Amino acid sequence: MLKQPVRHLSAYALIYEEETMLWNMRRQHLVEEADEELSLAMFDFLIDRTQESGWEHYEISN
C-alpha cells in the first residue's frame, strides 16, 4: 500500500469549520458529511492497510 518512503502518518476526521468554503458547500448540499459508521469503517480500513505494510498503530492525545 505505502510506496513512498515516509516515516510517519497522521490521519484525522474531517471537521467542518463554520464560515469556510467547505462548510458552505455542505450547507448547499454540494458535499455530504460521512456518518459515524462510515467514518469508523474508513479508520479501520486505514489501520488494516498500514499494519499490512508493517506500520505500528499508536495514538497520541494532546
PDB file of N, CA and C in Angstrom:
ATOM      1  N   MET A   1       0.823  -1.197   0.000  1.00  0.00           N
ATOM      2  CA  MET A   1       0.000   0.000   0.000  1.00  0.00           C
ATOM      3  C   MET A   1       0.865   1.258   0.000  1.00  0.00           C
ATOM      4  N   LEU A   2       1.837   1.320   0.873  1.00  0.00           N
ATOM      5  CA  LEU A   2       2.620   2.539   1.028  1.00  0.00           C
ATOM      6  C   LEU A   2       3.874   2.450   0.177  1.00  0.00           C
ATOM      7  N   LYS A   3       3.902   3.223  -0.880  1.00  0.00           N
ATOM      8  CA  LYS A   3       5.017   3.147  -1.810  1.00  0.00           C
ATOM      9  C   LYS A   3       6.017   4.290  -1.632  1.00  0.00           C
ATOM     10  N   GLN A   4       5.665   5.297  -0.874  1.00  0.00           N
ATOM     11  CA  GLN A   4       6.551   6.432  -0.647  1.00  0.00           C
ATOM     12  C   GLN A   4       7.381   6.181   0.614  1.00  0.00           C
ATOM     13  N   PRO A   5       8.600   6.710   0.656  1.00  0.00           N
ATOM     14  CA  PRO A   5       9.460   6.496   1.830  1.00  0.00           C
ATOM     15  C   PRO A   5       9.090   7.429   2.992  1.00  0.00           C
ATOM     16  N   VAL A   6       7.946   7.185   3.599  1.00  0.00           N
ATOM     17  CA  VAL A   6       7.501   8.021   4.723  1.00  0.00           C
ATOM     18  C   VAL A   6       7.800   7.311   6.036  1.00  0.00           C
ATOM     19  N   ARG A   7       7.989   8.098   7.082  1.00  0.00           N
ATOM     20  CA  ARG A   7       8.295   7.538   8.397  1.00  0.00           C
ATOM     21  C   ARG A   7       7.167   7.764   9.398  1.00  0.00           C
ATOM     22  N   HIS A   8       6.213   8.616   9.045  1.00  0.00           N
ATOM     23  CA  HIS A   8       5.125   8.934   9.966  1.00  0.00           C
ATOM     24  C   HIS A   8       3.876   9.234   9.149  1.00  0.00           C
ATOM     25  N   LEU A   9       2.734   8.835   9.663  1.00  0.00           N
ATOM     26  CA  LEU A   9       1.452   9.084   9.006  1.00  0.00           C
ATOM     27  C   LEU A   9       0.467   9.548  10.067  1.00  0.00           C
ATOM     28  N   SER A  10      -0.189  10.669   9.816  1.00  0.00           N
ATOM     29  CA  SER A  10      -1.236  11.166  10.709  1.00  0.00           C
ATOM     30  C   SER A  10      -2.546  11.176   9.946  1.00  0.00           C
ATOM     31  N   ALA A  11      -3.609  10.764  10.596  1.00  0.00           N
ATOM     32  CA  ALA A  11      -4.932  10.763   9.972  1.00  0.00           C
ATOM     33  C   ALA A  11      -5.940  11.321  10.965  1.00  0.00           C
ATOM     34  N   TYR A  12      -6.788  12.195  10.484  1.00  0.00           N
ATOM     35  CA  TYR A  12      -7.768  12.854  11.335  1.00  0.00           C
ATOM     36  C   TYR A  12      -9.124  12.856  10.648  1.00  0.00           C
ATOM     37  N   ALA A  13     -10.179  12.849  11.432  1.00  0.00           N
ATOM     38  CA  ALA A  13     -11.523  13.003  10.889  1.00  0.00           C
ATOM     39  C   ALA A  13     -11.699  14.455  10.453  1.00  0.00           C
ATOM     40  N   LEU A  14     -12.415  14.646   9.381  1.00  0.00           N
ATOM     41  CA  LEU A  14     -12.658  15.982   8.848  1.00  0.00           C
ATOM     42  C   LEU A  14     -13.620  16.742   9.750  1.00  0.00           C
ATOM     43  N   ILE A  15     -13.303  17.987  10.013  1.00  0.00           N
ATOM     44  CA  ILE A  15     -14.170  18.863  10.796  1.00  0.00           C
ATOM     45  C   ILE A  15     -14.605  20.012   9.897  1.00  0.00           C
ATOM     46  N   TYR A  16     -15.902  20.261   9.862  1.00  0.00           N
ATOM     47  CA  TYR A  16     -16.438  21.370   9.071  1.00  0.00           C
ATOM     48  C   TYR A  16     -16.441  22.623   9.937  1.00  0.00           C
ATOM     49  N   GLU A  17     -15.535  23.541   9.657  1.00  0.00           N
ATOM     50  CA  GLU A  17     -15.443  24.785  10.416  1.00  0.00           C
ATOM     51  C   GLU A  17     -16.414  25.807   9.832  1.00  0.00           C
ATOM     52  N   GLU A  18     -17.159  26.466  10.711  1.00  0.00           N
ATOM     53  CA  GLU A  18     -18.138  27.454  10.257  1.00  0.00           C
ATOM     54  C   GLU A  18     -17.497  28.530   9.395  1.00  0.00           C
ATOM     55  N   GLU A  19     -18.262  28.962   8.418  1.00  0.00           N
ATOM     56  CA  GLU A  19     -17.898  30.055   7.513  1.00  0.00           C
ATOM     57  C   GLU A  19     -16.695  29.752   6.625  1.00  0.00           C
ATOM     58  N   THR A  20     -16.362  28.487   6.441  1.00  0.00           N
ATOM     59  CA  THR A  20     -15.331  28.119   5.471  1.00  0.00           C
ATOM     60  C   THR A  20     -16.018  27.692   4.179  1.00  0.00           C
ATOM     61  N   MET A  21     -15.238  27.582   3.119  1.00  0.00           N
ATOM     62  CA  MET A  21     -15.799  27.169   1.841  1.00  0.00           C
ATOM     63  C   MET A  21     -16.446  25.785   1.953  1.00  0.00           C
ATOM     64  N   LEU A  22     -15.783  24.879   2.642  1.00  0.00           N
ATOM     65  CA  LEU A  22     -16.324  23.532   2.781  1.00  0.00           C
ATOM     66  C   LEU A  22     -17.615  23.535   3.600  1.00  0.00           C
ATOM     67  N   TRP A  23     -17.661  24.348   4.633  1.00  0.00           N
ATOM     68  CA  TRP A  23     -18.883  24.489   5.443  1.00  0.00           C
ATOM     69  C   TRP A  23     -20.039  24.956   4.563  1.00  0.00           C
ATOM     70  N   ASN A  24     -19.771  25.966   3.747  1.00  0.00           N
ATOM     71  CA  ASN A  24     -20.810  26.492   2.861  1.00  0.00           C
ATOM     72  C   ASN A  24     -21.236  25.461   1.819  1.00  0.00           C
ATOM     73  N   MET A  25     -20.292  24.698   1.298  1.00  0.00           N
ATOM     74  CA  MET A  25     -20.631  23.650   0.327  1.00  0.00           C
ATOM     75  C   MET A  25     -21.525  22.593   0.975  1.00  0.00           C
ATOM     76  N   ARG A  26     -21.265  22.279   2.228  1.00  0.00           N
ATOM     77  CA  ARG A  26     -22.107  21.317   2.951  1.00  0.00           C
ATOM     78  C   ARG A  26     -23.508  21.875   3.157  1.00  0.00           C
ATOM     79  N   ARG A  27     -23.601  23.136   3.504  1.00  0.00           N
ATOM     80  CA  ARG A  27     -24.912  23.776   3.697  1.00  0.00           C
ATOM     81  C   ARG A  27     -25.721  23.789   2.410  1.00  0.00           C
ATOM     82  N   GLN A  28     -25.013  23.888   1.269  1.00  0.00           N
ATOM     83  CA  GLN A  28     -25.679  23.906  -0.038  1.00  0.00           C
ATOM     84  C   GLN A  28     -25.887  22.494  -0.595  1.00  0.00           C
ATOM     85  N   HIS A  29     -25.560  21.489   0.208  1.00  0.00           N
ATOM     86  CA  HIS A  29     -25.701  20.077  -0.170  1.00  0.00           C
ATOM     87  C   HIS A  29     -24.835  19.706  -1.370  1.00  0.00           C
ATOM     88  N   LEU A  30     -23.695  20.385  -1.519  1.00  0.00           N
ATOM     89  CA  LEU A  30     -22.741  20.057  -2.578  1.00  0.00           C
ATOM     90  C   LEU A  30     -21.773  18.975  -2.121  1.00  0.00           C
ATOM     91  N   VAL A  31     -21.567  18.869  -0.818  1.00  0.00           N
ATOM     92  CA  VAL A  31     -20.797  17.777  -0.216  1.00  0.00           C
ATOM     93  C   VAL A  31     -21.621  17.238   0.945  1.00  0.00           C
ATOM     94  N   GLU A  32     -21.373  15.999   1.282  1.00  0.00           N
ATOM     95  CA  GLU A  32     -22.137  15.346   2.339  1.00  0.00           C
ATOM     96  C   GLU A  32     -21.183  14.838   3.410  1.00  0.00           C
ATOM     97  N   GLU A  33     -21.534  15.071   4.650  1.00  0.00           N
ATOM     98  CA  GLU A  33     -20.707  14.609   5.761  1.00  0.00           C
ATOM     99  C   GLU A  33     -20.864  13.101   5.934  1.00  0.00           C
ATOM    100  N   ALA A  34     -19.744  12.410   6.110  1.00  0.00           N
ATOM    101  CA  ALA A  34     -19.786  10.965   6.345  1.00  0.00           C
ATOM    102  C   ALA A  34     -20.392  10.699   7.717  1.00  0.00           C
ATOM    103  N   ASP A  35     -21.256   9.703   7.795  1.00  0.00           N
ATOM    104  CA  ASP A  35     -21.834   9.369   9.097  1.00  0.00           C
ATOM    105  C   ASP A  35     -20.804   8.611   9.937  1.00  0.00           C
ATOM    106  N   GLU A  36     -21.133   8.409  11.197  1.00  0.00           N
ATOM    107  CA  GLU A  36     -20.177   7.795  12.128  1.00  0.00           C
ATOM    108  C   GLU A  36     -19.780   6.387  11.687  1.00  0.00           C
ATOM    109  N   GLU A  37     -20.736   5.618  11.181  1.00  0.00           N
ATOM    110  CA  GLU A  37     -20.443   4.246  10.743  1.00  0.00           C
ATOM    111  C   GLU A  37     -19.416   4.234   9.611  1.00  0.00           C
ATOM    112  N   LEU A  38     -19.582   5.113   8.628  1.00  0.00           N
ATOM    113  CA  LEU A  38     -18.631   5.189   7.522  1.00  0.00           C
ATOM    114  C   LEU A  38     -17.274   5.688   8.009  1.00  0.00           C
ATOM    115  N   SER A  39     -17.273   6.674   8.886  1.00  0.00           N
ATOM    116  CA  SER A  39     -16.012   7.192   9.428  1.00  0.00           C
ATOM    117  C   SER A  39     -15.231   6.097  10.145  1.00  0.00           C
ATOM    118  N   LEU A  40     -15.919   5.294  10.939  1.00  0.00           N
ATOM    119  CA  LEU A  40     -15.257   4.198  11.650  1.00  0.00           C
ATOM    120  C   LEU A  40     -14.752   3.135  10.676  1.00  0.00           C
ATOM    121  N   ALA A  41     -15.526   2.849   9.635  1.00  0.00           N
ATOM    122  CA  ALA A  41     -15.101   1.868   8.633  1.00  0.00           C
ATOM    123  C   ALA A  41     -13.844   2.350   7.911  1.00  0.00           C
ATOM    124  N   MET A  42     -13.787   3.640   7.582  1.00  0.00           N
ATOM    125  CA  MET A  42     -12.600   4.180   6.908  1.00  0.00           C
ATOM    126  C   MET A  42     -11.388   4.137   7.833  1.00  0.00           C
ATOM    127  N   PHE A  43     -11.585   4.419   9.117  1.00  0.00           N
ATOM    128  CA  PHE A  43     -10.492   4.352  10.083  1.00  0.00           C
ATOM    129  C   PHE A  43      -9.974   2.918  10.199  1.00  0.00           C
ATOM    130  N   ASP A  44     -10.898   1.960  10.310  1.00  0.00           N
ATOM    131  CA  ASP A  44     -10.496   0.549  10.383  1.00  0.00           C
ATOM    132  C   ASP A  44      -9.737   0.124   9.129  1.00  0.00           C
ATOM    133  N   PHE A  45     -10.192   0.580   7.965  1.00  0.00           N
ATOM    134  CA  PHE A  45      -9.521   0.269   6.701  1.00  0.00           C
ATOM    135  C   PHE A  45      -8.087   0.797   6.724  1.00  0.00           C
ATOM    136  N   LEU A  46      -7.919   2.040   7.171  1.00  0.00           N
ATOM    137  CA  LEU A  46      -6.590   2.642   7.243  1.00  0.00           C
ATOM    138  C   LEU A  46      -5.679   1.847   8.175  1.00  0.00           C
ATOM    139  N   ILE A  47      -6.185   1.484   9.340  1.00  0.00           N
ATOM    140  CA  ILE A  47      -5.388   0.713  10.300  1.00  0.00           C
ATOM    141  C   ILE A  47      -4.988  -0.630   9.699  1.00  0.00           C
ATOM    142  N   ASP A  48      -5.950  -1.326   9.093  1.00  0.00           N
ATOM    143  CA  ASP A  48      -5.659  -2.636   8.493  1.00  0.00           C
ATOM    144  C   ASP A  48      -4.590  -2.536   7.415  1.00  0.00           C
ATOM    145  N   ARG A  49      -4.727  -1.579   6.511  1.00  0.00           N
ATOM    146  CA  ARG A  49      -3.790  -1.476   5.385  1.00  0.00           C
ATOM    147  C   ARG A  49      -2.397  -1.044   5.832  1.00  0.00           C
ATOM    148  N   THR A  50      -2.319  -0.151   6.784  1.00  0.00           N
ATOM    149  CA  THR A  50      -0.993   0.271   7.239  1.00  0.00           C
ATOM    150  C   THR A  50      -0.310  -0.847   8.019  1.00  0.00           C
ATOM    151  N   GLN A  51      -1.062  -1.585   8.817  1.00  0.00           N
ATOM    152  CA  GLN A  51      -0.460  -2.709   9.542  1.00  0.00           C
ATOM    153  C   GLN A  51       0.003  -3.799   8.577  1.00  0.00           C
ATOM    154  N   GLU A  52      -0.748  -4.016   7.493  1.00  0.00           N
ATOM    155  CA  GLU A  52      -0.322  -4.978   6.471  1.00  0.00           C
ATOM    156  C   GLU A  52       1.004  -4.564   5.843  1.00  0.00           C
ATOM    157  N   SER A  53       1.270  -3.262   5.843  1.00  0.00           N
ATOM    158  CA  SER A  53       2.517  -2.736   5.275  1.00  0.00           C
ATOM    159  C   SER A  53       3.633  -2.656   6.309  1.00  0.00           C
ATOM    160  N   GLY A  54       3.372  -3.164   7.514  1.00  0.00           N
ATOM    161  CA  GLY A  54       4.403  -3.193   8.538  1.00  0.00           C
ATOM    162  C   GLY A  54       4.404  -2.011   9.486  1.00  0.00           C
ATOM    163  N   TRP A  55       3.404  -1.151   9.402  1.00  0.00           N
ATOM    164  CA  TRP A  55       3.330   0.007  10.286  1.00  0.00           C
ATOM    165  C   TRP A  55       2.720  -0.393  11.619  1.00  0.00           C
ATOM    166  N   GLU A  56       3.163   0.269  12.678  1.00  0.00           N
ATOM    167  CA  GLU A  56       2.612   0.048  14.006  1.00  0.00           C
ATOM    168  C   GLU A  56       1.639   1.169  14.317  1.00  0.00           C
ATOM    169  N   HIS A  57       0.435   0.817  14.752  1.00  0.00           N
ATOM    170  CA  HIS A  57      -0.585   1.814  15.075  1.00  0.00           C
ATOM    171  C   HIS A  57      -0.390   2.305  16.506  1.00  0.00           C
ATOM    172  N   TYR A  58      -0.398   3.606  16.684  1.00  0.00           N
ATOM    173  CA  TYR A  58      -0.367   4.192  18.021  1.00  0.00           C
ATOM    174  C   TYR A  58      -1.127   5.495  17.974  1.00  0.00           C
ATOM    175  N   GLU A  59      -1.609   5.927  19.113  1.00  0.00           N
ATOM    176  CA  GLU A  59      -2.351   7.179  19.202  1.00  0.00           C
ATOM    177  C   GLU A  59      -1.699   8.072  20.233  1.00  0.00           C
ATOM    178  N   ILE A  60      -1.686   9.351  19.933  1.00  0.00           N
ATOM    179  CA  ILE A  60      -1.164  10.362  20.848  1.00  0.00           C
ATOM    180  C   ILE A  60      -2.260  11.398  21.039  1.00  0.00           C
ATOM    181  N   SER A  61      -2.580  11.725  22.266  1.00  0.00           N
ATOM    182  CA  SER A  61      -3.544  12.789  22.509  1.00  0.00           C
ATOM    183  C   SER A  61      -2.810  13.968  23.112  1.00  0.00           C
ATOM    184  N   ASN A  62      -3.237  15.145  22.720  1.00  0.00           N
ATOM    185  CA  ASN A  62      -2.595  16.372  23.215  1.00  0.00           C
ATOM    186  C   ASN A  62      -3.360  16.927  24.383  1.00  0.00           C
TER     187      ASN A  62
END
